[in-house]
N, C-alpha and C. Protein backbone atom coordinates (compact mmCIF):
# COMPACT_ATOMS: atom_id res chain seq x y z
N MET A 1 0.85 -1.18 0.00
CA MET A 1 0.00 0.00 0.00
C MET A 1 0.89 1.25 0.00
N ILE A 2 0.58 2.17 -0.90
CA ILE A 2 1.27 3.45 -0.95
C ILE A 2 0.31 4.52 -0.44
N LEU A 3 0.76 5.31 0.51
CA LEU A 3 -0.04 6.40 1.04
C LEU A 3 0.44 7.69 0.37
N LEU A 4 -0.42 8.30 -0.43
CA LEU A 4 -0.02 9.45 -1.25
C LEU A 4 -0.56 10.76 -0.69
N GLU A 5 0.27 11.75 -0.70
CA GLU A 5 -0.15 13.10 -0.35
C GLU A 5 -0.74 13.76 -1.60
N PRO A 6 -1.89 14.42 -1.49
CA PRO A 6 -2.51 15.02 -2.67
C PRO A 6 -1.66 16.12 -3.30
N GLU A 7 -1.70 16.17 -4.63
CA GLU A 7 -1.07 17.26 -5.40
C GLU A 7 -2.03 17.70 -6.48
N TYR A 8 -1.95 18.97 -6.84
CA TYR A 8 -2.71 19.51 -7.96
C TYR A 8 -1.86 19.34 -9.22
N LEU A 9 -2.41 18.71 -10.25
CA LEU A 9 -1.66 18.42 -11.48
C LEU A 9 -0.28 17.88 -11.11
N PRO A 10 -0.21 16.69 -10.51
CA PRO A 10 1.02 16.19 -9.89
C PRO A 10 2.22 16.17 -10.81
N ARG A 11 3.40 16.27 -10.19
CA ARG A 11 4.65 16.17 -10.92
C ARG A 11 4.88 14.75 -11.42
N VAL A 12 5.69 14.60 -12.44
CA VAL A 12 6.04 13.27 -12.94
C VAL A 12 6.68 12.46 -11.81
N ASN A 13 7.53 13.10 -11.01
CA ASN A 13 8.21 12.40 -9.90
C ASN A 13 7.22 11.76 -8.93
N TYR A 14 6.04 12.31 -8.85
CA TYR A 14 4.99 11.81 -7.95
C TYR A 14 4.63 10.36 -8.26
N PHE A 15 4.74 9.97 -9.52
CA PHE A 15 4.28 8.66 -9.97
C PHE A 15 5.36 7.58 -9.94
N LYS A 16 6.60 7.96 -9.66
CA LYS A 16 7.70 7.02 -9.85
C LYS A 16 7.69 5.83 -8.91
N ASP A 17 7.08 5.94 -7.75
CA ASP A 17 7.09 4.85 -6.77
C ASP A 17 5.76 4.10 -6.68
N LEU A 18 4.92 4.23 -7.69
CA LEU A 18 3.57 3.66 -7.61
C LEU A 18 3.43 2.29 -8.25
N SER A 19 4.52 1.72 -8.74
CA SER A 19 4.40 0.51 -9.53
C SER A 19 3.75 -0.63 -8.75
N ASN A 20 2.64 -1.11 -9.29
CA ASN A 20 1.94 -2.31 -8.81
C ASN A 20 1.56 -2.29 -7.34
N LYS A 21 1.25 -1.14 -6.81
CA LYS A 21 0.80 -1.06 -5.43
C LYS A 21 -0.52 -0.31 -5.39
N ASN A 22 -1.40 -0.72 -4.50
CA ASN A 22 -2.63 0.02 -4.30
C ASN A 22 -2.30 1.35 -3.65
N ILE A 23 -3.14 2.35 -3.91
CA ILE A 23 -2.84 3.70 -3.47
C ILE A 23 -3.92 4.18 -2.51
N ALA A 24 -3.50 4.61 -1.34
CA ALA A 24 -4.40 5.29 -0.41
C ALA A 24 -4.10 6.77 -0.50
N TYR A 25 -5.12 7.54 -0.75
CA TYR A 25 -5.01 8.98 -0.95
C TYR A 25 -5.21 9.65 0.40
N GLU A 26 -4.15 10.24 0.95
CA GLU A 26 -4.16 10.78 2.31
C GLU A 26 -4.89 12.12 2.35
N VAL A 27 -6.04 12.15 3.02
CA VAL A 27 -6.83 13.37 3.08
C VAL A 27 -6.79 14.03 4.47
N ASN A 28 -5.99 13.49 5.36
CA ASN A 28 -6.00 13.95 6.75
C ASN A 28 -4.73 14.67 7.16
N LEU A 29 -4.05 15.31 6.22
CA LEU A 29 -2.83 16.04 6.52
C LEU A 29 -3.15 17.50 6.78
N LYS A 30 -2.30 18.15 7.57
CA LYS A 30 -2.44 19.59 7.76
C LYS A 30 -2.00 20.30 6.48
N PHE A 31 -2.68 21.40 6.18
CA PHE A 31 -2.34 22.18 5.00
C PHE A 31 -0.97 22.82 5.18
N ASP A 32 -0.14 22.73 4.15
CA ASP A 32 1.20 23.31 4.17
C ASP A 32 1.42 24.00 2.83
N SER A 33 1.52 25.32 2.84
CA SER A 33 1.61 26.09 1.60
C SER A 33 2.92 25.84 0.84
N SER A 34 3.89 25.19 1.46
CA SER A 34 5.15 24.93 0.77
C SER A 34 5.09 23.67 -0.09
N LYS A 35 3.97 22.96 -0.04
CA LYS A 35 3.84 21.72 -0.80
C LYS A 35 2.99 21.94 -2.05
N PHE A 36 2.69 20.87 -2.76
CA PHE A 36 2.04 20.97 -4.06
C PHE A 36 0.54 20.74 -4.02
N PHE A 37 -0.06 20.81 -2.85
CA PHE A 37 -1.48 20.55 -2.71
C PHE A 37 -2.32 21.48 -3.59
N ASP A 38 -1.90 22.73 -3.72
CA ASP A 38 -2.70 23.71 -4.45
C ASP A 38 -1.96 24.34 -5.64
N LYS A 39 -0.82 23.77 -6.02
CA LYS A 39 -0.08 24.39 -7.13
C LYS A 39 0.62 23.34 -7.98
N ALA A 40 1.02 23.78 -9.18
CA ALA A 40 1.73 22.90 -10.12
C ALA A 40 2.76 23.72 -10.87
N HIS A 41 3.81 23.04 -11.33
CA HIS A 41 4.83 23.68 -12.14
C HIS A 41 4.64 23.29 -13.60
N LEU A 42 4.64 24.30 -14.45
CA LEU A 42 4.54 24.11 -15.90
C LEU A 42 5.75 24.76 -16.55
N CYS A 43 5.85 24.62 -17.87
CA CYS A 43 6.96 25.24 -18.59
C CYS A 43 6.46 25.74 -19.93
N ASN A 44 6.83 26.96 -20.27
CA ASN A 44 6.56 27.48 -21.61
C ASN A 44 7.87 27.97 -22.22
N LYS A 45 7.79 28.67 -23.33
CA LYS A 45 9.02 29.08 -24.02
C LYS A 45 9.86 30.05 -23.20
N ASN A 46 9.25 30.68 -22.19
CA ASN A 46 9.98 31.62 -21.35
C ASN A 46 10.58 30.98 -20.10
N GLY A 47 10.26 29.70 -19.88
CA GLY A 47 10.82 29.02 -18.71
C GLY A 47 9.75 28.42 -17.82
N PHE A 48 10.16 28.07 -16.62
CA PHE A 48 9.28 27.46 -15.65
C PHE A 48 8.38 28.51 -15.00
N PHE A 49 7.17 28.10 -14.65
CA PHE A 49 6.29 28.97 -13.87
C PHE A 49 5.30 28.10 -13.10
N SER A 50 4.68 28.68 -12.09
CA SER A 50 3.73 27.95 -11.26
C SER A 50 2.32 28.50 -11.46
N ILE A 51 1.36 27.60 -11.34
CA ILE A 51 -0.04 28.01 -11.27
C ILE A 51 -0.58 27.51 -9.93
N ARG A 52 -1.52 28.25 -9.38
CA ARG A 52 -2.04 27.92 -8.05
C ARG A 52 -3.56 28.03 -8.05
N VAL A 53 -4.19 27.07 -7.40
CA VAL A 53 -5.65 27.11 -7.21
C VAL A 53 -5.92 28.00 -6.00
N PRO A 54 -6.73 29.05 -6.17
CA PRO A 54 -7.03 29.91 -5.02
C PRO A 54 -7.90 29.16 -4.01
N THR A 55 -7.57 29.32 -2.75
CA THR A 55 -8.26 28.58 -1.70
C THR A 55 -8.76 29.50 -0.60
N ILE A 56 -9.70 28.98 0.15
CA ILE A 56 -10.22 29.68 1.32
C ILE A 56 -9.67 28.96 2.54
N ILE A 57 -8.78 29.64 3.25
CA ILE A 57 -8.13 29.04 4.42
C ILE A 57 -8.49 29.87 5.64
N LYS A 58 -9.13 29.22 6.60
CA LYS A 58 -9.59 29.93 7.80
C LYS A 58 -8.51 30.05 8.86
N THR A 59 -7.75 28.96 9.04
CA THR A 59 -6.69 28.97 10.05
C THR A 59 -5.46 28.26 9.48
N ASN A 60 -4.31 28.52 10.08
CA ASN A 60 -3.08 27.87 9.64
C ASN A 60 -3.03 26.39 9.97
N SER A 61 -3.92 25.94 10.83
CA SER A 61 -3.89 24.54 11.25
C SER A 61 -4.96 23.69 10.57
N GLU A 62 -5.52 24.20 9.48
CA GLU A 62 -6.57 23.44 8.79
C GLU A 62 -6.02 22.19 8.13
N PHE A 63 -6.87 21.18 8.07
CA PHE A 63 -6.53 19.96 7.35
C PHE A 63 -6.80 20.17 5.87
N GLN A 64 -6.05 19.44 5.03
CA GLN A 64 -6.25 19.56 3.59
C GLN A 64 -7.68 19.22 3.20
N ARG A 65 -8.29 18.27 3.88
CA ARG A 65 -9.64 17.85 3.51
C ARG A 65 -10.66 18.97 3.70
N ASP A 66 -10.31 20.01 4.48
CA ASP A 66 -11.24 21.10 4.77
C ASP A 66 -10.99 22.35 3.93
N ILE A 67 -9.97 22.33 3.08
CA ILE A 67 -9.63 23.50 2.29
C ILE A 67 -10.57 23.61 1.09
N LYS A 68 -11.31 24.73 1.04
CA LYS A 68 -12.25 24.96 -0.05
C LYS A 68 -11.60 25.76 -1.18
N ILE A 69 -12.11 25.56 -2.38
CA ILE A 69 -11.63 26.31 -3.55
C ILE A 69 -12.36 27.64 -3.59
N ASP A 70 -11.63 28.71 -3.89
CA ASP A 70 -12.19 30.05 -3.98
C ASP A 70 -12.55 30.33 -5.44
N TYR A 71 -13.85 30.35 -5.72
CA TYR A 71 -14.31 30.57 -7.09
C TYR A 71 -14.59 32.04 -7.39
N LYS A 72 -14.23 32.93 -6.47
CA LYS A 72 -14.39 34.36 -6.74
C LYS A 72 -13.40 34.81 -7.81
N LYS A 73 -12.30 34.05 -7.94
CA LYS A 73 -11.30 34.34 -8.97
C LYS A 73 -11.53 33.40 -10.14
N ASN A 74 -11.29 33.88 -11.34
CA ASN A 74 -11.53 33.08 -12.55
C ASN A 74 -10.31 32.21 -12.85
N TRP A 75 -9.95 31.34 -11.90
CA TRP A 75 -8.72 30.56 -12.02
C TRP A 75 -8.82 29.46 -13.06
N ILE A 76 -10.00 28.89 -13.27
CA ILE A 76 -10.13 27.80 -14.24
C ILE A 76 -9.76 28.29 -15.63
N ASN A 77 -10.30 29.44 -16.01
CA ASN A 77 -9.98 30.02 -17.31
C ASN A 77 -8.49 30.35 -17.40
N SER A 78 -7.93 30.91 -16.34
CA SER A 78 -6.51 31.24 -16.31
C SER A 78 -5.64 30.00 -16.47
N HIS A 79 -5.99 28.92 -15.77
CA HIS A 79 -5.20 27.69 -15.84
C HIS A 79 -5.31 27.03 -17.21
N THR A 80 -6.50 27.00 -17.78
CA THR A 80 -6.65 26.39 -19.11
C THR A 80 -5.92 27.22 -20.17
N GLN A 81 -5.91 28.53 -20.02
CA GLN A 81 -5.14 29.37 -20.94
C GLN A 81 -3.64 29.13 -20.79
N SER A 82 -3.19 28.94 -19.56
CA SER A 82 -1.78 28.62 -19.33
C SER A 82 -1.41 27.29 -19.99
N LEU A 83 -2.29 26.30 -19.87
CA LEU A 83 -2.03 25.01 -20.52
C LEU A 83 -2.01 25.16 -22.03
N GLN A 84 -2.94 25.92 -22.57
CA GLN A 84 -3.01 26.12 -24.02
C GLN A 84 -1.76 26.82 -24.53
N SER A 85 -1.35 27.90 -23.86
CA SER A 85 -0.20 28.65 -24.35
C SER A 85 1.11 27.88 -24.17
N SER A 86 1.19 27.05 -23.14
CA SER A 86 2.42 26.29 -22.87
C SER A 86 2.52 25.03 -23.70
N TYR A 87 1.40 24.33 -23.89
CA TYR A 87 1.45 22.99 -24.47
C TYR A 87 0.56 22.80 -25.70
N GLY A 88 -0.08 23.86 -26.14
CA GLY A 88 -1.02 23.75 -27.26
C GLY A 88 -0.43 23.16 -28.53
N LYS A 89 0.88 23.31 -28.73
CA LYS A 89 1.53 22.77 -29.93
C LYS A 89 2.17 21.41 -29.70
N PHE A 90 2.06 20.89 -28.48
CA PHE A 90 2.61 19.55 -28.21
C PHE A 90 1.74 18.51 -28.90
N PRO A 91 2.32 17.40 -29.34
CA PRO A 91 1.59 16.45 -30.19
C PRO A 91 0.34 15.82 -29.58
N TYR A 92 0.29 15.68 -28.26
CA TYR A 92 -0.86 14.98 -27.66
C TYR A 92 -1.78 15.90 -26.86
N PHE A 93 -1.56 17.20 -26.97
CA PHE A 93 -2.39 18.16 -26.24
C PHE A 93 -3.87 17.96 -26.55
N ILE A 94 -4.18 17.87 -27.82
CA ILE A 94 -5.56 17.78 -28.28
C ILE A 94 -6.28 16.54 -27.74
N PHE A 95 -5.51 15.48 -27.46
CA PHE A 95 -6.11 14.22 -27.02
C PHE A 95 -6.51 14.23 -25.55
N TYR A 96 -5.88 15.08 -24.74
CA TYR A 96 -6.09 15.03 -23.30
C TYR A 96 -6.75 16.27 -22.69
N ILE A 97 -6.67 17.39 -23.37
CA ILE A 97 -7.10 18.64 -22.74
C ILE A 97 -8.57 18.65 -22.38
N ASP A 98 -9.43 18.05 -23.19
CA ASP A 98 -10.86 18.07 -22.88
C ASP A 98 -11.18 17.30 -21.60
N SER A 99 -10.51 16.18 -21.38
CA SER A 99 -10.74 15.40 -20.16
C SER A 99 -10.32 16.20 -18.93
N ILE A 100 -9.22 16.93 -19.05
CA ILE A 100 -8.74 17.75 -17.93
C ILE A 100 -9.70 18.91 -17.67
N LYS A 101 -10.14 19.56 -18.74
CA LYS A 101 -11.09 20.67 -18.59
C LYS A 101 -12.39 20.20 -17.96
N ASN A 102 -12.85 19.03 -18.36
CA ASN A 102 -14.11 18.50 -17.80
C ASN A 102 -14.01 18.36 -16.29
N ILE A 103 -12.88 17.91 -15.79
CA ILE A 103 -12.71 17.77 -14.34
C ILE A 103 -12.61 19.15 -13.68
N LEU A 104 -11.86 20.06 -14.27
CA LEU A 104 -11.74 21.41 -13.70
C LEU A 104 -13.10 22.10 -13.63
N ASN A 105 -13.95 21.84 -14.61
CA ASN A 105 -15.24 22.52 -14.68
C ASN A 105 -16.33 21.88 -13.82
N ARG A 106 -16.00 20.89 -13.03
CA ARG A 106 -16.99 20.27 -12.14
C ARG A 106 -17.30 21.12 -10.92
N ASN A 107 -16.52 22.17 -10.73
CA ASN A 107 -16.73 23.09 -9.60
C ASN A 107 -16.76 22.35 -8.26
N HIS A 108 -15.71 21.60 -8.00
CA HIS A 108 -15.56 20.92 -6.71
C HIS A 108 -15.57 21.95 -5.59
N THR A 109 -16.15 21.60 -4.48
CA THR A 109 -16.12 22.48 -3.32
C THR A 109 -14.76 22.42 -2.64
N TYR A 110 -14.23 21.20 -2.48
CA TYR A 110 -12.97 21.00 -1.77
C TYR A 110 -11.84 20.67 -2.73
N LEU A 111 -10.69 21.25 -2.49
CA LEU A 111 -9.53 21.02 -3.36
C LEU A 111 -9.09 19.56 -3.33
N VAL A 112 -9.22 18.90 -2.21
CA VAL A 112 -8.81 17.50 -2.11
C VAL A 112 -9.63 16.63 -3.09
N ASP A 113 -10.88 16.99 -3.33
CA ASP A 113 -11.72 16.23 -4.27
C ASP A 113 -11.32 16.49 -5.72
N LEU A 114 -10.99 17.74 -6.03
CA LEU A 114 -10.48 18.06 -7.37
C LEU A 114 -9.19 17.29 -7.63
N ASN A 115 -8.27 17.32 -6.68
CA ASN A 115 -7.00 16.62 -6.84
C ASN A 115 -7.20 15.10 -6.99
N TYR A 116 -8.15 14.56 -6.26
CA TYR A 116 -8.46 13.13 -6.35
C TYR A 116 -8.95 12.76 -7.74
N ASP A 117 -9.88 13.55 -8.28
CA ASP A 117 -10.41 13.27 -9.61
C ASP A 117 -9.33 13.41 -10.69
N LEU A 118 -8.47 14.41 -10.55
CA LEU A 118 -7.37 14.57 -11.51
C LEU A 118 -6.40 13.39 -11.41
N LEU A 119 -6.07 12.97 -10.19
CA LEU A 119 -5.17 11.83 -10.02
C LEU A 119 -5.78 10.57 -10.65
N SER A 120 -7.06 10.35 -10.45
CA SER A 120 -7.74 9.19 -11.06
C SER A 120 -7.60 9.23 -12.58
N LEU A 121 -7.79 10.40 -13.16
CA LEU A 121 -7.63 10.55 -14.62
C LEU A 121 -6.20 10.24 -15.04
N PHE A 122 -5.23 10.79 -14.34
CA PHE A 122 -3.83 10.59 -14.73
C PHE A 122 -3.41 9.14 -14.60
N LEU A 123 -3.86 8.47 -13.55
CA LEU A 123 -3.54 7.04 -13.40
C LEU A 123 -4.09 6.25 -14.58
N ASP A 124 -5.27 6.62 -15.03
CA ASP A 124 -5.88 5.96 -16.19
C ASP A 124 -5.09 6.25 -17.46
N LEU A 125 -4.75 7.52 -17.68
CA LEU A 125 -4.02 7.91 -18.90
C LEU A 125 -2.62 7.30 -18.95
N LEU A 126 -2.02 7.08 -17.77
CA LEU A 126 -0.68 6.50 -17.70
C LEU A 126 -0.70 4.97 -17.67
N ASN A 127 -1.90 4.40 -17.73
CA ASN A 127 -2.08 2.94 -17.68
C ASN A 127 -1.55 2.33 -16.39
N PHE A 128 -1.74 3.04 -15.29
CA PHE A 128 -1.48 2.48 -13.97
C PHE A 128 -2.77 1.81 -13.54
N ASN A 129 -2.69 0.56 -13.16
CA ASN A 129 -3.89 -0.21 -12.84
C ASN A 129 -4.18 -0.31 -11.36
N GLN A 130 -3.52 0.49 -10.56
CA GLN A 130 -3.70 0.40 -9.12
C GLN A 130 -5.09 0.87 -8.69
N LYS A 131 -5.53 0.31 -7.58
CA LYS A 131 -6.77 0.76 -6.97
C LYS A 131 -6.47 2.00 -6.15
N LEU A 132 -7.28 3.03 -6.32
CA LEU A 132 -7.11 4.30 -5.61
C LEU A 132 -8.26 4.48 -4.64
N SER A 133 -7.95 4.78 -3.38
CA SER A 133 -9.00 5.02 -2.40
C SER A 133 -8.57 6.13 -1.45
N LYS A 134 -9.54 6.79 -0.85
CA LYS A 134 -9.24 7.81 0.14
C LYS A 134 -9.04 7.14 1.49
N THR A 135 -8.14 7.70 2.29
CA THR A 135 -7.88 7.11 3.60
C THR A 135 -9.06 7.38 4.52
N PRO A 136 -9.34 6.46 5.42
CA PRO A 136 -10.37 6.73 6.43
C PRO A 136 -9.85 7.72 7.46
N LEU A 137 -10.73 8.20 8.31
CA LEU A 137 -10.31 9.16 9.34
C LEU A 137 -9.29 8.56 10.29
N VAL A 138 -9.41 7.28 10.55
CA VAL A 138 -8.43 6.60 11.38
C VAL A 138 -7.56 5.76 10.46
N ASP A 139 -6.26 5.97 10.52
CA ASP A 139 -5.36 5.26 9.62
C ASP A 139 -5.23 3.80 10.05
N ILE A 140 -5.73 2.88 9.20
CA ILE A 140 -5.73 1.47 9.55
C ILE A 140 -4.67 0.68 8.80
N PHE A 141 -3.85 1.38 8.04
CA PHE A 141 -2.88 0.68 7.21
C PHE A 141 -1.60 0.44 7.99
N SER A 142 -1.24 -0.81 8.17
CA SER A 142 -0.01 -1.11 8.90
C SER A 142 1.15 -1.34 7.95
N ASP A 143 0.87 -1.80 6.74
CA ASP A 143 1.92 -2.08 5.76
C ASP A 143 1.82 -1.06 4.65
N LYS A 144 2.47 0.07 4.85
CA LYS A 144 2.35 1.13 3.85
C LYS A 144 3.67 1.89 3.73
N ASN A 145 3.86 2.47 2.57
CA ASN A 145 4.94 3.43 2.35
C ASN A 145 4.27 4.78 2.15
N THR A 146 4.81 5.80 2.76
CA THR A 146 4.22 7.12 2.64
C THR A 146 5.09 7.98 1.72
N ILE A 147 4.45 8.63 0.77
CA ILE A 147 5.17 9.54 -0.12
C ILE A 147 4.72 10.95 0.24
N PHE A 148 5.61 11.69 0.88
CA PHE A 148 5.34 13.08 1.19
C PHE A 148 6.21 13.94 0.29
N ASN A 149 5.62 14.98 -0.23
CA ASN A 149 6.29 15.76 -1.26
C ASN A 149 6.59 17.16 -0.76
N THR A 150 7.81 17.61 -1.02
CA THR A 150 8.20 18.96 -0.63
C THR A 150 8.51 19.77 -1.87
N GLU A 151 8.57 21.06 -1.68
CA GLU A 151 8.85 21.98 -2.77
C GLU A 151 10.18 21.64 -3.43
N THR A 152 10.21 21.74 -4.74
CA THR A 152 11.47 21.55 -5.45
C THR A 152 11.83 22.84 -6.15
N SER A 153 13.11 23.06 -6.35
CA SER A 153 13.54 24.28 -7.02
C SER A 153 13.59 24.04 -8.52
N LEU A 154 13.19 25.05 -9.25
CA LEU A 154 13.26 25.00 -10.70
C LEU A 154 14.18 26.12 -11.14
N SER A 155 15.07 25.79 -12.05
CA SER A 155 16.04 26.81 -12.46
C SER A 155 15.72 27.35 -13.84
N SER A 156 16.63 27.25 -14.78
CA SER A 156 16.46 27.95 -16.04
C SER A 156 15.70 27.16 -17.09
N ASN A 157 15.30 27.86 -18.13
CA ASN A 157 14.57 27.25 -19.24
C ASN A 157 15.43 26.19 -19.92
N ASN A 158 16.76 26.41 -19.98
CA ASN A 158 17.64 25.43 -20.62
C ASN A 158 17.59 24.09 -19.90
N ASP A 159 17.34 24.13 -18.59
CA ASP A 159 17.33 22.90 -17.81
C ASP A 159 16.20 21.97 -18.21
N VAL A 160 15.09 22.52 -18.74
CA VAL A 160 13.98 21.65 -19.11
C VAL A 160 14.38 20.72 -20.24
N HIS A 161 15.20 21.20 -21.17
CA HIS A 161 15.65 20.36 -22.28
C HIS A 161 16.59 19.26 -21.76
N ILE A 162 17.46 19.62 -20.84
CA ILE A 162 18.36 18.63 -20.23
C ILE A 162 17.55 17.61 -19.43
N MET A 163 16.57 18.12 -18.65
CA MET A 163 15.73 17.25 -17.82
C MET A 163 15.00 16.23 -18.69
N ARG A 164 14.38 16.70 -19.77
CA ARG A 164 13.64 15.79 -20.66
C ARG A 164 14.58 14.80 -21.33
N LYS A 165 15.69 15.30 -21.85
CA LYS A 165 16.64 14.41 -22.54
C LYS A 165 17.15 13.32 -21.60
N ASP A 166 17.58 13.71 -20.40
CA ASP A 166 18.08 12.73 -19.43
C ASP A 166 17.01 11.71 -19.07
N PHE A 167 15.80 12.19 -18.87
CA PHE A 167 14.70 11.30 -18.49
C PHE A 167 14.41 10.29 -19.60
N PHE A 168 14.31 10.76 -20.83
CA PHE A 168 13.95 9.86 -21.92
C PHE A 168 15.09 8.91 -22.29
N LEU A 169 16.29 9.24 -21.90
CA LEU A 169 17.42 8.33 -22.12
C LEU A 169 17.65 7.43 -20.90
N GLY A 170 16.82 7.57 -19.89
CA GLY A 170 16.94 6.74 -18.70
C GLY A 170 18.10 7.10 -17.80
N LYS A 171 18.63 8.33 -17.95
CA LYS A 171 19.79 8.73 -17.15
C LYS A 171 19.41 9.25 -15.77
N ASN A 172 18.24 9.84 -15.66
CA ASN A 172 17.91 10.53 -14.42
C ASN A 172 16.40 10.63 -14.27
N PHE A 173 15.89 10.21 -13.12
CA PHE A 173 14.46 10.40 -12.86
C PHE A 173 14.30 11.64 -12.00
N ASP A 174 14.36 12.79 -12.64
CA ASP A 174 14.17 14.05 -11.94
C ASP A 174 13.36 14.96 -12.85
N TYR A 175 12.08 14.70 -12.89
CA TYR A 175 11.17 15.41 -13.79
C TYR A 175 10.23 16.22 -12.91
N LYS A 176 10.60 17.46 -12.67
CA LYS A 176 9.94 18.27 -11.66
C LYS A 176 8.65 18.94 -12.14
N LEU A 177 8.38 18.87 -13.43
CA LEU A 177 7.18 19.51 -13.96
C LEU A 177 5.96 18.63 -13.80
N SER A 178 4.80 19.23 -13.99
CA SER A 178 3.54 18.48 -13.93
C SER A 178 3.57 17.34 -14.93
N VAL A 179 2.87 16.26 -14.59
CA VAL A 179 2.76 15.11 -15.48
C VAL A 179 2.14 15.52 -16.82
N LEU A 180 1.46 16.66 -16.86
CA LEU A 180 0.91 17.14 -18.12
C LEU A 180 2.01 17.40 -19.14
N ASP A 181 3.15 17.88 -18.68
CA ASP A 181 4.28 18.13 -19.58
C ASP A 181 4.65 16.84 -20.33
N LEU A 182 4.71 15.74 -19.60
CA LEU A 182 5.05 14.45 -20.20
C LEU A 182 3.91 13.91 -21.05
N LEU A 183 2.67 13.97 -20.55
CA LEU A 183 1.52 13.45 -21.30
C LEU A 183 1.32 14.17 -22.62
N PHE A 184 1.42 15.49 -22.61
CA PHE A 184 1.22 16.25 -23.84
C PHE A 184 2.36 16.00 -24.84
N LEU A 185 3.52 15.65 -24.34
CA LEU A 185 4.68 15.41 -25.20
C LEU A 185 4.73 13.98 -25.73
N LYS A 186 4.47 12.99 -24.86
CA LYS A 186 4.65 11.58 -25.23
C LYS A 186 3.37 10.77 -25.31
N GLY A 187 2.26 11.32 -24.87
CA GLY A 187 0.98 10.64 -24.99
C GLY A 187 0.95 9.28 -24.33
N PRO A 188 0.46 8.24 -25.06
CA PRO A 188 0.29 6.92 -24.46
C PRO A 188 1.59 6.26 -24.01
N GLU A 189 2.73 6.76 -24.45
CA GLU A 189 4.02 6.20 -24.02
C GLU A 189 4.44 6.70 -22.64
N SER A 190 3.76 7.70 -22.11
CA SER A 190 4.18 8.36 -20.87
C SER A 190 4.32 7.39 -19.71
N GLY A 191 3.33 6.54 -19.53
CA GLY A 191 3.39 5.57 -18.44
C GLY A 191 4.57 4.62 -18.58
N PHE A 192 4.89 4.25 -19.83
CA PHE A 192 6.04 3.38 -20.08
C PHE A 192 7.32 4.04 -19.59
N TYR A 193 7.49 5.31 -19.90
CA TYR A 193 8.70 6.02 -19.46
C TYR A 193 8.79 6.07 -17.94
N ILE A 194 7.67 6.34 -17.28
CA ILE A 194 7.70 6.41 -15.82
C ILE A 194 8.04 5.05 -15.21
N ARG A 195 7.43 4.01 -15.72
CA ARG A 195 7.64 2.68 -15.13
C ARG A 195 9.03 2.11 -15.43
N ASN A 196 9.59 2.48 -16.55
CA ASN A 196 10.86 1.88 -16.96
C ASN A 196 12.09 2.74 -16.71
N PHE A 197 11.93 4.03 -16.59
CA PHE A 197 13.09 4.90 -16.39
C PHE A 197 13.06 5.57 -15.03
């Protein structure tokens, strides 16, 4: 059993340890703004940048499961425009963007539910056959590995070309961008690269 911390549009690195294990989606963590619960890293011709889902946070000690999405800001349109401008010319963009938009447009109340639906979609697109479930309020899993994710640094635009080249040649599993970067570039082969490299 793998216990996963939620991420918005998860990084490729997020998927590297999921091979052939059932996944428990951890919904009982305290919110930490330094993690990827509400943000993702993308890349366009000008370099790396982050997008963030606006949230309503009442206290610093709130649990992730209680964090609501703030729809007063037009973030869905902003995020889809960012995806279009960054990846619109990638070979597989057209095949996946509608499925992603459909999930974004469901107007989830809680960010943890949006992240769960996106993760379910990505596991399907990557041909990961694991069972995904949300953790109960009381953690009953005794045999589990926990994957907790911390902020990673992104440097220059030139590094994205090195990062992709090294990854596709099997030299280095350090792909800090959202899995969308890989899916839009490699399409149905994406899961193969994650599982094998």
